[in-house]
Structure formats: structure tokens, C-alpha cells
Full PDB file with SEQRES, HELIX, SHEET, SSBOND, CRYST1, ORIGX, SCALE, CONECT and MASTER records, all heavy atoms in Angstrom:
SEQRES   1 A   43  LEU ALA LYS THR ILE ASP MET LEU GLY LEU VAL GLY ILE          
SEQRES   2 A   43  PRO ALA PRO GLU LYS ARG VAL ARG ASP TYR PRO HIS GLN          
SEQRES   3 A   43  PHE SER GLY GLY MET ARG GLN ARG VAL MET ILE ALA MET          
SEQRES   4 A   43  ALA LEU SER CYS                                              
HELIX    1 AA1 ALA A    2  LEU A   10  1                                   9    
HELIX    2 AA2 PRO A   16  ARG A   19  1                                   4    
HELIX    3 AA3 PRO A   24  GLN A   26  5                                   3    
HELIX    4 AA4 GLY A   29  LEU A   41  1                                  13    
CRYST1    1.000    1.000    1.000  90.00  90.00  90.00 P 1           1          
ORIGX1      1.000000  0.000000  0.000000        0.00000                         
ORIGX2      0.000000  1.000000  0.000000        0.00000                         
ORIGX3      0.000000  0.000000  1.000000        0.00000                         
SCALE1      1.000000  0.000000  0.000000        0.00000                         
SCALE2      0.000000  1.000000  0.000000        0.00000                         
SCALE3      0.000000  0.000000  1.000000        0.00000                         
ATOM      1  N   LEU A   1       0.829  -1.200   0.000  1.00  0.00           N  
ATOM      2  CA  LEU A   1       0.000   0.000   0.000  1.00  0.00           C  
ATOM      3  C   LEU A   1       0.865   1.252   0.000  1.00  0.00           C  
ATOM      4  O   LEU A   1       0.585   2.209  -0.730  1.00  0.00           O  
ATOM      5  CB  LEU A   1      -0.930  -0.010   1.208  1.00  0.00           C  
ATOM      6  CG  LEU A   1      -1.839   1.221   1.375  1.00  0.00           C  
ATOM      7  CD1 LEU A   1      -2.753   1.376   0.152  1.00  0.00           C  
ATOM      8  CD2 LEU A   1      -2.653   1.133   2.660  1.00  0.00           C  
ATOM      9  N   ALA A   2       1.916   1.243   0.810  1.00  0.00           N  
ATOM     10  CA  ALA A   2       2.813   2.405   0.869  1.00  0.00           C  
ATOM     11  C   ALA A   2       3.490   2.646  -0.475  1.00  0.00           C  
ATOM     12  O   ALA A   2       3.612   3.790  -0.925  1.00  0.00           O  
ATOM     13  CB  ALA A   2       3.857   2.192   1.964  1.00  0.00           C  
ATOM     14  N   LYS A   3       3.917   1.563  -1.126  1.00  0.00           N  
ATOM     15  CA  LYS A   3       4.547   1.678  -2.443  1.00  0.00           C  
ATOM     16  C   LYS A   3       3.560   2.215  -3.469  1.00  0.00           C  
ATOM     17  O   LYS A   3       3.907   3.064  -4.304  1.00  0.00           O  
ATOM     18  CB  LYS A   3       5.058   0.298  -2.876  1.00  0.00           C  
ATOM     19  CG  LYS A   3       5.596   0.205  -4.294  1.00  0.00           C  
ATOM     20  CD  LYS A   3       6.976   0.763  -4.429  1.00  0.00           C  
ATOM     21  CE  LYS A   3       7.564   0.482  -5.788  1.00  0.00           C  
ATOM     22  NZ  LYS A   3       8.900   1.062  -5.973  1.00  0.00           N  
ATOM     23  N   THR A   4       2.315   1.733  -3.415  1.00  0.00           N  
ATOM     24  CA  THR A   4       1.288   2.176  -4.351  1.00  0.00           C  
ATOM     25  C   THR A   4       1.004   3.664  -4.190  1.00  0.00           C  
ATOM     26  O   THR A   4       0.929   4.415  -5.172  1.00  0.00           O  
ATOM     27  CB  THR A   4      -0.004   1.365  -4.147  1.00  0.00           C  
ATOM     28  OG1 THR A   4       0.275  -0.021  -4.347  1.00  0.00           O  
ATOM     29  CG2 THR A   4      -1.097   1.813  -5.097  1.00  0.00           C  
ATOM     30  N   ILE A   5       0.844   4.114  -2.950  1.00  0.00           N  
ATOM     31  CA  ILE A   5       0.595   5.534  -2.686  1.00  0.00           C  
ATOM     32  C   ILE A   5       1.778   6.379  -3.152  1.00  0.00           C  
ATOM     33  O   ILE A   5       1.607   7.453  -3.743  1.00  0.00           O  
ATOM     34  CB  ILE A   5       0.316   5.750  -1.180  1.00  0.00           C  
ATOM     35  CG1 ILE A   5      -1.023   5.096  -0.805  1.00  0.00           C  
ATOM     36  CG2 ILE A   5       0.309   7.236  -0.838  1.00  0.00           C  
ATOM     37  CD1 ILE A   5      -1.300   5.093   0.689  1.00  0.00           C  
ATOM     38  N   ASP A   6       2.980   5.873  -2.918  1.00  0.00           N  
ATOM     39  CA  ASP A   6       4.186   6.587  -3.331  1.00  0.00           C  
ATOM     40  C   ASP A   6       4.229   6.745  -4.851  1.00  0.00           C  
ATOM     41  O   ASP A   6       4.564   7.814  -5.371  1.00  0.00           O  
ATOM     42  CB  ASP A   6       5.423   5.838  -2.841  1.00  0.00           C  
ATOM     43  CG  ASP A   6       6.712   6.580  -3.160  1.00  0.00           C  
ATOM     44  OD1 ASP A   6       6.772   7.797  -2.892  1.00  0.00           O  
ATOM     45  OD2 ASP A   6       7.655   5.943  -3.662  1.00  0.00           O  
ATOM     46  N   MET A   7       3.871   5.693  -5.583  1.00  0.00           N  
ATOM     47  CA  MET A   7       3.898   5.759  -7.040  1.00  0.00           C  
ATOM     48  C   MET A   7       2.850   6.743  -7.567  1.00  0.00           C  
ATOM     49  O   MET A   7       3.113   7.489  -8.523  1.00  0.00           O  
ATOM     50  CB  MET A   7       3.656   4.380  -7.645  1.00  0.00           C  
ATOM     51  CG  MET A   7       4.787   3.388  -7.442  1.00  0.00           C  
ATOM     52  SD  MET A   7       6.398   3.995  -7.988  1.00  0.00           S  
ATOM     53  CE  MET A   7       6.081   4.344  -9.721  1.00  0.00           C  
ATOM     54  N   LEU A   8       1.669   6.769  -6.955  1.00  0.00           N  
ATOM     55  CA  LEU A   8       0.645   7.724  -7.381  1.00  0.00           C  
ATOM     56  C   LEU A   8       1.122   9.157  -7.148  1.00  0.00           C  
ATOM     57  O   LEU A   8       0.875  10.050  -7.968  1.00  0.00           O  
ATOM     58  CB  LEU A   8      -0.663   7.471  -6.628  1.00  0.00           C  
ATOM     59  CG  LEU A   8      -1.418   6.196  -6.995  1.00  0.00           C  
ATOM     60  CD1 LEU A   8      -2.649   6.032  -6.114  1.00  0.00           C  
ATOM     61  CD2 LEU A   8      -1.824   6.199  -8.467  1.00  0.00           C  
ATOM     62  N   GLY A   9       1.807   9.374  -6.040  1.00  0.00           N  
ATOM     63  CA  GLY A   9       2.362  10.698  -5.782  1.00  0.00           C  
ATOM     64  C   GLY A   9       3.441  11.073  -6.785  1.00  0.00           C  
ATOM     65  O   GLY A   9       3.512  12.231  -7.228  1.00  0.00           O  
ATOM     66  N   LEU A  10       4.249  10.108  -7.173  1.00  0.00           N  
ATOM     67  CA  LEU A  10       5.338  10.373  -8.114  1.00  0.00           C  
ATOM     68  C   LEU A  10       4.828  10.823  -9.481  1.00  0.00           C  
ATOM     69  O   LEU A  10       5.480  11.621 -10.160  1.00  0.00           O  
ATOM     70  CB  LEU A  10       6.210   9.121  -8.285  1.00  0.00           C  
ATOM     71  CG  LEU A  10       7.244   8.843  -7.201  1.00  0.00           C  
ATOM     72  CD1 LEU A  10       7.930   7.512  -7.446  1.00  0.00           C  
ATOM     73  CD2 LEU A  10       8.284   9.962  -7.146  1.00  0.00           C  
ATOM     74  N   VAL A  11       3.677  10.304  -9.899  1.00  0.00           N  
ATOM     75  CA  VAL A  11       3.145  10.683 -11.219  1.00  0.00           C  
ATOM     76  C   VAL A  11       2.206  11.889 -11.134  1.00  0.00           C  
ATOM     77  O   VAL A  11       1.509  12.209 -12.096  1.00  0.00           O  
ATOM     78  CB  VAL A  11       2.429   9.498 -11.901  1.00  0.00           C  
ATOM     79  CG1 VAL A  11       3.406   8.390 -12.186  1.00  0.00           C  
ATOM     80  CG2 VAL A  11       1.265   8.984 -11.063  1.00  0.00           C  
ATOM     81  N   GLY A  12       2.168  12.550  -9.973  1.00  0.00           N  
ATOM     82  CA  GLY A  12       1.468  13.815  -9.870  1.00  0.00           C  
ATOM     83  C   GLY A  12      -0.006  13.749  -9.563  1.00  0.00           C  
ATOM     84  O   GLY A  12      -0.744  14.694  -9.855  1.00  0.00           O  
ATOM     85  N   ILE A  13      -0.472  12.656  -8.974  1.00  0.00           N  
ATOM     86  CA  ILE A  13      -1.879  12.559  -8.581  1.00  0.00           C  
ATOM     87  C   ILE A  13      -2.029  13.143  -7.171  1.00  0.00           C  
ATOM     88  O   ILE A  13      -1.404  12.659  -6.225  1.00  0.00           O  
ATOM     89  CB  ILE A  13      -2.365  11.106  -8.627  1.00  0.00           C  
ATOM     90  CG1 ILE A  13      -2.398  10.638 -10.087  1.00  0.00           C  
ATOM     91  CG2 ILE A  13      -3.747  10.962  -7.985  1.00  0.00           C  
ATOM     92  CD1 ILE A  13      -2.871   9.224 -10.281  1.00  0.00           C  
ATOM     93  N   PRO A  14      -2.832  14.183  -7.000  1.00  0.00           N  
ATOM     94  CA  PRO A  14      -2.975  14.812  -5.688  1.00  0.00           C  
ATOM     95  C   PRO A  14      -3.694  13.910  -4.689  1.00  0.00           C  
ATOM     96  O   PRO A  14      -4.513  13.067  -5.074  1.00  0.00           O  
ATOM     97  CB  PRO A  14      -3.797  16.070  -5.998  1.00  0.00           C  
ATOM     98  CG  PRO A  14      -4.526  15.762  -7.262  1.00  0.00           C  
ATOM     99  CD  PRO A  14      -3.636  14.849  -8.040  1.00  0.00           C  
ATOM    100  N   ALA A  15      -3.372  14.094  -3.408  1.00  0.00           N  
ATOM    101  CA  ALA A  15      -3.958  13.306  -2.318  1.00  0.00           C  
ATOM    102  C   ALA A  15      -3.943  11.812  -2.624  1.00  0.00           C  
ATOM    103  O   ALA A  15      -4.990  11.150  -2.591  1.00  0.00           O  
ATOM    104  CB  ALA A  15      -5.388  13.783  -2.033  1.00  0.00           C  
ATOM    105  N   PRO A  16      -2.797  11.234  -2.922  1.00  0.00           N  
ATOM    106  CA  PRO A  16      -2.754   9.825  -3.346  1.00  0.00           C  
ATOM    107  C   PRO A  16      -3.247   8.859  -2.277  1.00  0.00           C  
ATOM    108  O   PRO A  16      -3.792   7.806  -2.605  1.00  0.00           O  
ATOM    109  CB  PRO A  16      -1.271   9.598  -3.661  1.00  0.00           C  
ATOM    110  CG  PRO A  16      -0.534  10.643  -2.898  1.00  0.00           C  
ATOM    111  CD  PRO A  16      -1.439  11.828  -2.894  1.00  0.00           C  
ATOM    112  N   GLU A  17      -3.086   9.213  -1.001  1.00  0.00           N  
ATOM    113  CA  GLU A  17      -3.539   8.324   0.066  1.00  0.00           C  
ATOM    114  C   GLU A  17      -5.057   8.198   0.088  1.00  0.00           C  
ATOM    115  O   GLU A  17      -5.600   7.205   0.600  1.00  0.00           O  
ATOM    116  CB  GLU A  17      -3.031   8.821   1.425  1.00  0.00           C  
ATOM    117  CG  GLU A  17      -3.552  10.182   1.860  1.00  0.00           C  
ATOM    118  CD  GLU A  17      -2.855  11.347   1.163  1.00  0.00           C  
ATOM    119  OE1 GLU A  17      -1.829  11.094   0.496  1.00  0.00           O  
ATOM    120  OE2 GLU A  17      -3.351  12.486   1.291  1.00  0.00           O  
ATOM    121  N   LYS A  18      -5.777   9.157  -0.491  1.00  0.00           N  
ATOM    122  CA  LYS A  18      -7.225   9.073  -0.617  1.00  0.00           C  
ATOM    123  C   LYS A  18      -7.633   8.473  -1.961  1.00  0.00           C  
ATOM    124  O   LYS A  18      -8.516   7.618  -2.039  1.00  0.00           O  
ATOM    125  CB  LYS A  18      -7.854  10.465  -0.467  1.00  0.00           C  
ATOM    126  CG  LYS A  18      -7.662  11.082   0.919  1.00  0.00           C  
ATOM    127  CD  LYS A  18      -8.335  12.447   0.992  1.00  0.00           C  
ATOM    128  CE  LYS A  18      -8.163  13.068   2.376  1.00  0.00           C  
ATOM    129  NZ  LYS A  18      -8.780  14.418   2.455  1.00  0.00           N  
ATOM    130  N   ARG A  19      -6.968   8.891  -3.013  1.00  0.00           N  
ATOM    131  CA  ARG A  19      -7.364   8.471  -4.352  1.00  0.00           C  
ATOM    132  C   ARG A  19      -7.010   7.018  -4.645  1.00  0.00           C  
ATOM    133  O   ARG A  19      -7.518   6.438  -5.604  1.00  0.00           O  
ATOM    134  CB  ARG A  19      -6.731   9.392  -5.395  1.00  0.00           C  
ATOM    135  CG  ARG A  19      -6.999  10.858  -5.129  1.00  0.00           C  
ATOM    136  CD  ARG A  19      -7.650  11.577  -6.250  1.00  0.00           C  
ATOM    137  NE  ARG A  19      -8.821  10.965  -6.817  1.00  0.00           N  
ATOM    138  CZ  ARG A  19      -9.385  11.375  -7.954  1.00  0.00           C  
ATOM    139  NH1 ARG A  19      -8.846  12.381  -8.605  1.00  0.00           N  
ATOM    140  NH2 ARG A  19     -10.449  10.797  -8.430  1.00  0.00           N  
ATOM    141  N   VAL A  20      -6.171   6.441  -3.824  1.00  0.00           N  
ATOM    142  CA  VAL A  20      -5.810   5.039  -4.018  1.00  0.00           C  
ATOM    143  C   VAL A  20      -7.027   4.122  -3.880  1.00  0.00           C  
ATOM    144  O   VAL A  20      -7.037   3.005  -4.400  1.00  0.00           O  
ATOM    145  CB  VAL A  20      -4.697   4.645  -3.015  1.00  0.00           C  
ATOM    146  CG1 VAL A  20      -5.256   4.532  -1.600  1.00  0.00           C  
ATOM    147  CG2 VAL A  20      -4.006   3.357  -3.427  1.00  0.00           C  
ATOM    148  N   ARG A  21      -8.066   4.608  -3.234  1.00  0.00           N  
ATOM    149  CA  ARG A  21      -9.291   3.817  -3.032  1.00  0.00           C  
ATOM    150  C   ARG A  21     -10.366   4.117  -4.078  1.00  0.00           C  
ATOM    151  O   ARG A  21     -11.448   3.536  -4.036  1.00  0.00           O  
ATOM    152  CB  ARG A  21      -9.855   4.069  -1.635  1.00  0.00           C  
ATOM    153  CG  ARG A  21      -8.902   3.677  -0.505  1.00  0.00           C  
ATOM    154  CD  ARG A  21      -9.511   3.953   0.865  1.00  0.00           C  
ATOM    155  NE  ARG A  21      -8.600   3.583   1.928  1.00  0.00           N  
ATOM    156  CZ  ARG A  21      -7.641   4.384   2.417  1.00  0.00           C  
ATOM    157  NH1 ARG A  21      -7.518   5.618   1.934  1.00  0.00           N  
ATOM    158  NH2 ARG A  21      -6.839   3.979   3.380  1.00  0.00           N  
ATOM    159  N   ASP A  22     -10.076   5.019  -5.020  1.00  0.00           N  
ATOM    160  CA  ASP A  22     -11.058   5.384  -6.038  1.00  0.00           C  
ATOM    161  C   ASP A  22     -11.015   4.409  -7.210  1.00  0.00           C  
ATOM    162  O   ASP A  22     -10.059   3.638  -7.376  1.00  0.00           O  
ATOM    163  CB  ASP A  22     -10.791   6.805  -6.549  1.00  0.00           C  
ATOM    164  CG  ASP A  22     -11.165   7.865  -5.517  1.00  0.00           C  
ATOM    165  OD1 ASP A  22     -11.881   7.519  -4.560  1.00  0.00           O  
ATOM    166  OD2 ASP A  22     -10.732   9.017  -5.679  1.00  0.00           O  
ATOM    167  N   TYR A  23     -12.063   4.479  -8.042  1.00  0.00           N  
ATOM    168  CA  TYR A  23     -12.188   3.610  -9.213  1.00  0.00           C  
ATOM    169  C   TYR A  23     -11.836   4.395 -10.482  1.00  0.00           C  
ATOM    170  O   TYR A  23     -11.864   5.644 -10.481  1.00  0.00           O  
ATOM    171  CB  TYR A  23     -13.613   3.057  -9.306  1.00  0.00           C  
ATOM    172  CG  TYR A  23     -13.937   2.069  -8.212  1.00  0.00           C  
ATOM    173  CD1 TYR A  23     -14.381   2.499  -6.953  1.00  0.00           C  
ATOM    174  CD2 TYR A  23     -13.772   0.702  -8.416  1.00  0.00           C  
ATOM    175  CE1 TYR A  23     -14.664   1.588  -5.939  1.00  0.00           C  
ATOM    176  CE2 TYR A  23     -14.051  -0.209  -7.413  1.00  0.00           C  
ATOM    177  CZ  TYR A  23     -14.487   0.242  -6.176  1.00  0.00           C  
ATOM    178  OH  TYR A  23     -14.750  -0.663  -5.173  1.00  0.00           O  
ATOM    179  N   PRO A  24     -11.514   3.702 -11.576  1.00  0.00           N  
ATOM    180  CA  PRO A  24     -11.097   4.401 -12.792  1.00  0.00           C  
ATOM    181  C   PRO A  24     -12.067   5.469 -13.280  1.00  0.00           C  
ATOM    182  O   PRO A  24     -11.634   6.513 -13.776  1.00  0.00           O  
ATOM    183  CB  PRO A  24     -10.974   3.260 -13.814  1.00  0.00           C  
ATOM    184  CG  PRO A  24     -10.588   2.073 -12.999  1.00  0.00           C  
ATOM    185  CD  PRO A  24     -11.359   2.227 -11.707  1.00  0.00           C  
ATOM    186  N   HIS A  25     -13.391   5.236 -13.156  1.00  0.00           N  
ATOM    187  CA  HIS A  25     -14.337   6.225 -13.673  1.00  0.00           C  
ATOM    188  C   HIS A  25     -14.309   7.526 -12.885  1.00  0.00           C  
ATOM    189  O   HIS A  25     -14.861   8.543 -13.332  1.00  0.00           O  
ATOM    190  CB  HIS A  25     -15.766   5.648 -13.676  1.00  0.00           C  
ATOM    191  CG  HIS A  25     -16.375   5.516 -12.310  1.00  0.00           C  
ATOM    192  ND1 HIS A  25     -16.191   4.393 -11.526  1.00  0.00           N  
ATOM    193  CD2 HIS A  25     -17.139   6.374 -11.573  1.00  0.00           C  
ATOM    194  CE1 HIS A  25     -16.834   4.555 -10.375  1.00  0.00           C  
ATOM    195  NE2 HIS A  25     -17.416   5.744 -10.382  1.00  0.00           N  
ATOM    196  N   GLN A  26     -13.677   7.518 -11.708  1.00  0.00           N  
ATOM    197  CA  GLN A  26     -13.580   8.723 -10.896  1.00  0.00           C  
ATOM    198  C   GLN A  26     -12.364   9.576 -11.260  1.00  0.00           C  
ATOM    199  O   GLN A  26     -12.129  10.605 -10.639  1.00  0.00           O  
ATOM    200  CB  GLN A  26     -13.535   8.340  -9.417  1.00  0.00           C  
ATOM    201  CG  GLN A  26     -14.814   7.677  -8.919  1.00  0.00           C  
ATOM    202  CD  GLN A  26     -14.695   7.165  -7.497  1.00  0.00           C  
ATOM    203  OE1 GLN A  26     -14.118   6.118  -7.246  1.00  0.00           O  
ATOM    204  NE2 GLN A  26     -15.222   7.942  -6.557  1.00  0.00           N  
ATOM    205  N   PHE A  27     -11.610   9.137 -12.255  1.00  0.00           N  
ATOM    206  CA  PHE A  27     -10.434   9.871 -12.703  1.00  0.00           C  
ATOM    207  C   PHE A  27     -10.679  10.435 -14.095  1.00  0.00           C  
ATOM    208  O   PHE A  27     -11.383   9.838 -14.911  1.00  0.00           O  
ATOM    209  CB  PHE A  27      -9.211   8.947 -12.758  1.00  0.00           C  
ATOM    210  CG  PHE A  27      -8.662   8.561 -11.416  1.00  0.00           C  
ATOM    211  CD1 PHE A  27      -9.325   7.653 -10.601  1.00  0.00           C  
ATOM    212  CD2 PHE A  27      -7.473   9.103 -10.958  1.00  0.00           C  
ATOM    213  CE1 PHE A  27      -8.824   7.292  -9.370  1.00  0.00           C  
ATOM    214  CE2 PHE A  27      -6.952   8.752  -9.729  1.00  0.00           C  
ATOM    215  CZ  PHE A  27      -7.621   7.855  -8.932  1.00  0.00           C  
ATOM    216  N   SER A  28     -10.064  11.573 -14.388  1.00  0.00           N  
ATOM    217  CA  SER A  28     -10.105  12.117 -15.745  1.00  0.00           C  
ATOM    218  C   SER A  28      -9.214  11.278 -16.657  1.00  0.00           C  
ATOM    219  O   SER A  28      -8.447  10.417 -16.196  1.00  0.00           O  
ATOM    220  CB  SER A  28      -9.609  13.563 -15.740  1.00  0.00           C  
ATOM    221  OG  SER A  28      -8.214  13.595 -15.413  1.00  0.00           O  
ATOM    222  N   GLY A  29      -9.296  11.541 -17.970  1.00  0.00           N  
ATOM    223  CA  GLY A  29      -8.470  10.787 -18.911  1.00  0.00           C  
ATOM    224  C   GLY A  29      -6.984  10.937 -18.623  1.00  0.00           C  
ATOM    225  O   GLY A  29      -6.225   9.963 -18.664  1.00  0.00           O  
ATOM    226  N   GLY A  30      -6.564  12.172 -18.342  1.00  0.00           N  
ATOM    227  CA  GLY A  30      -5.157  12.391 -18.031  1.00  0.00           C  
ATOM    228  C   GLY A  30      -4.728  11.706 -16.746  1.00  0.00           C  
ATOM    229  O   GLY A  30      -3.619  11.163 -16.653  1.00  0.00           O  
ATOM    230  N   MET A  31      -5.610  11.712 -15.743  1.00  0.00           N  
ATOM    231  CA  MET A  31      -5.310  11.039 -14.480  1.00  0.00           C  
ATOM    232  C   MET A  31      -5.203   9.536 -14.667  1.00  0.00           C  
ATOM    233  O   MET A  31      -4.333   8.876 -14.091  1.00  0.00           O  
ATOM    234  CB  MET A  31      -6.401  11.355 -13.450  1.00  0.00           C  
ATOM    235  CG  MET A  31      -6.360  12.774 -12.914  1.00  0.00           C  
ATOM    236  SD  MET A  31      -4.992  13.030 -11.775  1.00  0.00           S  
ATOM    237  CE  MET A  31      -5.449  14.607 -11.066  1.00  0.00           C  
ATOM    238  N   ARG A  32      -6.086   8.971 -15.496  1.00  0.00           N  
ATOM    239  CA  ARG A  32      -6.014   7.528 -15.756  1.00  0.00           C  
ATOM    240  C   ARG A  32      -4.705   7.161 -16.446  1.00  0.00           C  
ATOM    241  O   ARG A  32      -4.117   6.114 -16.165  1.00  0.00           O  
ATOM    242  CB  ARG A  32      -7.209   7.088 -16.600  1.00  0.00           C  
ATOM    243  CG  ARG A  32      -8.523   7.060 -15.843  1.00  0.00           C  
ATOM    244  CD  ARG A  32      -9.598   6.312 -16.610  1.00  0.00           C  
ATOM    245  NE  ARG A  32      -9.998   7.023 -17.805  1.00  0.00           N  
ATOM    246  CZ  ARG A  32     -11.041   7.870 -17.869  1.00  0.00           C  
ATOM    247  NH1 ARG A  32     -11.766   8.095 -16.785  1.00  0.00           N  
ATOM    248  NH2 ARG A  32     -11.352   8.464 -18.998  1.00  0.00           N  
ATOM    249  N   GLN A  33      -4.253   8.055 -17.349  1.00  0.00           N  
ATOM    250  CA  GLN A  33      -2.978   7.790 -18.017  1.00  0.00           C  
ATOM    251  C   GLN A  33      -1.832   7.808 -17.011  1.00  0.00           C  
ATOM    252  O   GLN A  33      -0.911   6.996 -17.067  1.00  0.00           O  
ATOM    253  CB  GLN A  33      -2.740   8.826 -19.112  1.00  0.00           C  
ATOM    254  CG  GLN A  33      -1.519   8.568 -19.973  1.00  0.00           C  
ATOM    255  CD  GLN A  33      -1.676   7.368 -20.879  1.00  0.00           C  
ATOM    256  OE1 GLN A  33      -2.413   6.439 -20.584  1.00  0.00           O  
ATOM    257  NE2 GLN A  33      -0.955   7.360 -21.980  1.00  0.00           N  
ATOM    258  N   ARG A  34      -1.905   8.700 -16.034  1.00  0.00           N  
ATOM    259  CA  ARG A  34      -0.864   8.739 -15.003  1.00  0.00           C  
ATOM    260  C   ARG A  34      -0.898   7.481 -14.134  1.00  0.00           C  
ATOM    261  O   ARG A  34       0.139   6.984 -13.691  1.00  0.00           O  
ATOM    262  CB  ARG A  34      -1.027   9.996 -14.145  1.00  0.00           C  
ATOM    263  CG  ARG A  34      -0.490  11.241 -14.825  1.00  0.00           C  
ATOM    264  CD  ARG A  34      -0.536  12.436 -13.919  1.00  0.00           C  
ATOM    265  NE  ARG A  34      -1.663  13.292 -14.226  1.00  0.00           N  
ATOM    266  CZ  ARG A  34      -1.959  14.384 -13.567  1.00  0.00           C  
ATOM    267  NH1 ARG A  34      -1.230  14.756 -12.530  1.00  0.00           N  
ATOM    268  NH2 ARG A  34      -2.993  15.118 -13.914  1.00  0.00           N  
ATOM    269  N   VAL A  35      -2.092   6.962 -13.901  1.00  0.00           N  
ATOM    270  CA  VAL A  35      -2.206   5.701 -13.166  1.00  0.00           C  
ATOM    271  C   VAL A  35      -1.519   4.573 -13.932  1.00  0.00           C  
ATOM    272  O   VAL A  35      -0.800   3.751 -13.347  1.00  0.00           O  
ATOM    273  CB  VAL A  35      -3.693   5.347 -12.912  1.00  0.00           C  
ATOM    274  CG1 VAL A  35      -3.835   3.923 -12.398  1.00  0.00           C  
ATOM    275  CG2 VAL A  35      -4.296   6.331 -11.914  1.00  0.00           C  
ATOM    276  N   MET A  36      -1.726   4.524 -15.253  1.00  0.00           N  
ATOM    277  CA  MET A  36      -1.077   3.500 -16.068  1.00  0.00           C  
ATOM    278  C   MET A  36       0.442   3.621 -16.001  1.00  0.00           C  
ATOM    279  O   MET A  36       1.162   2.616 -15.966  1.00  0.00           O  
ATOM    280  CB  MET A  36      -1.546   3.622 -17.524  1.00  0.00           C  
ATOM    281  CG  MET A  36      -2.991   3.272 -17.764  1.00  0.00           C  
ATOM    282  SD  MET A  36      -3.348   1.542 -17.394  1.00  0.00           S  
ATOM    283  CE  MET A  36      -2.248   0.718 -18.533  1.00  0.00           C  
ATOM    284  N   ILE A  37       0.931   4.849 -15.983  1.00  0.00           N  
ATOM    285  CA  ILE A  37       2.379   5.066 -15.900  1.00  0.00           C  
ATOM    286  C   ILE A  37       2.893   4.623 -14.537  1.00  0.00           C  
ATOM    287  O   ILE A  37       3.949   3.981 -14.435  1.00  0.00           O  
ATOM    288  CB  ILE A  37       2.705   6.547 -16.177  1.00  0.00           C  
ATOM    289  CG1 ILE A  37       2.373   6.868 -17.648  1.00  0.00           C  
ATOM    290  CG2 ILE A  37       4.169   6.854 -15.882  1.00  0.00           C  
ATOM    291  CD1 ILE A  37       2.377   8.345 -17.972  1.00  0.00           C  
ATOM    292  N   ALA A  38       2.145   4.931 -13.479  1.00  0.00           N  
ATOM    293  CA  ALA A  38       2.533   4.488 -12.134  1.00  0.00           C  
ATOM    294  C   ALA A  38       2.589   2.969 -12.065  1.00  0.00           C  
ATOM    295  O   ALA A  38       3.502   2.387 -11.459  1.00  0.00           O  
ATOM    296  CB  ALA A  38       1.546   5.034 -11.102  1.00  0.00           C  
ATOM    297  N   MET A  39       1.614   2.310 -12.684  1.00  0.00           N  
ATOM    298  CA  MET A  39       1.568   0.848 -12.694  1.00  0.00           C  
ATOM    299  C   MET A  39       2.779   0.270 -13.420  1.00  0.00           C  
ATOM    300  O   MET A  39       3.403  -0.690 -12.966  1.00  0.00           O  
ATOM    301  CB  MET A  39       0.265   0.393 -13.356  1.00  0.00           C  
ATOM    302  CG  MET A  39      -0.055  -1.078 -13.183  1.00  0.00           C  
ATOM    303  SD  MET A  39      -1.622  -1.512 -14.004  1.00  0.00           S  
ATOM    304  CE  MET A  39      -2.759  -0.386 -13.213  1.00  0.00           C  
ATOM    305  N   ALA A  40       3.132   0.878 -14.562  1.00  0.00           N  
ATOM    306  CA  ALA A  40       4.255   0.370 -15.352  1.00  0.00           C  
ATOM    307  C   ALA A  40       5.591   0.559 -14.638  1.00  0.00           C  
ATOM    308  O   ALA A  40       6.489  -0.283 -14.748  1.00  0.00           O  
ATOM    309  CB  ALA A  40       4.282   1.067 -16.711  1.00  0.00           C  
ATOM    310  N   LEU A  41       5.725   1.658 -13.906  1.00  0.00           N  
ATOM    311  CA  LEU A  41       7.007   1.957 -13.256  1.00  0.00           C  
ATOM    312  C   LEU A  41       7.137   1.328 -11.874  1.00  0.00           C  
ATOM    313  O   LEU A  41       8.234   1.335 -11.305  1.00  0.00           O  
ATOM    314  CB  LEU A  41       7.177   3.476 -13.127  1.00  0.00           C  
ATOM    315  CG  LEU A  41       7.196   4.296 -14.420  1.00  0.00           C  
ATOM    316  CD1 LEU A  41       7.422   5.762 -14.105  1.00  0.00           C  
ATOM    317  CD2 LEU A  41       8.254   3.793 -15.367  1.00  0.00           C  
ATOM    318  N   SER A  42       6.071   0.757 -11.346  1.00  0.00           N  
ATOM    319  CA  SER A  42       6.049   0.334  -9.941  1.00  0.00           C  
ATOM    320  C   SER A  42       7.052  -0.762  -9.610  1.00  0.00           C  
ATOM    321  O   SER A  42       7.516  -0.867  -8.473  1.00  0.00           O  
ATOM    322  CB  SER A  42       4.639  -0.115  -9.546  1.00  0.00           C  
ATOM    323  OG  SER A  42       4.233  -1.228 -10.324  1.00  0.00           O  
ATOM    324  N   CYS A  43       7.393  -1.596 -10.592  1.00  0.00           N  
ATOM    325  CA  CYS A  43       8.304  -2.722 -10.317  1.00  0.00           C  
ATOM    326  C   CYS A  43       9.686  -2.526 -10.929  1.00  0.00           C  
ATOM    327  O   CYS A  43      10.465  -3.479 -11.059  1.00  0.00           O  
ATOM    328  CB  CYS A  43       7.686  -4.027 -10.811  1.00  0.00           C  
ATOM    329  SG  CYS A  43       6.174  -4.492  -9.952  1.00  0.00           S  
TER     330      CYS A  43                                                      
MASTER        0    0    0    4    0    0    0    6  329    1    0    4          
END                                                                             
């Protein structure tokens, strides 16, 4: 969980500790793209 929150913060998603519990439809297109980048870089 800590790593996931850290990655969301790294790609510029505000309040990552809250948004980590949100679903894709709650993000804008640009935010979803940042999530994909966080996922790709996480490992």
C-alpha cells in the first residue's frame, strides 16, 4: 500500500492516500494515463 501511494504521488496525482481507493471512472483521462504510468514503473 505504501509503495502504491508513493507511485501515485510520483506521477502527480494529488492526495494519493485518498485516491488510491477510487475507481477508474472517478479519474479524468489524463489522471487515468498517469495511473497507467505508475503501474508500469512500480516494479
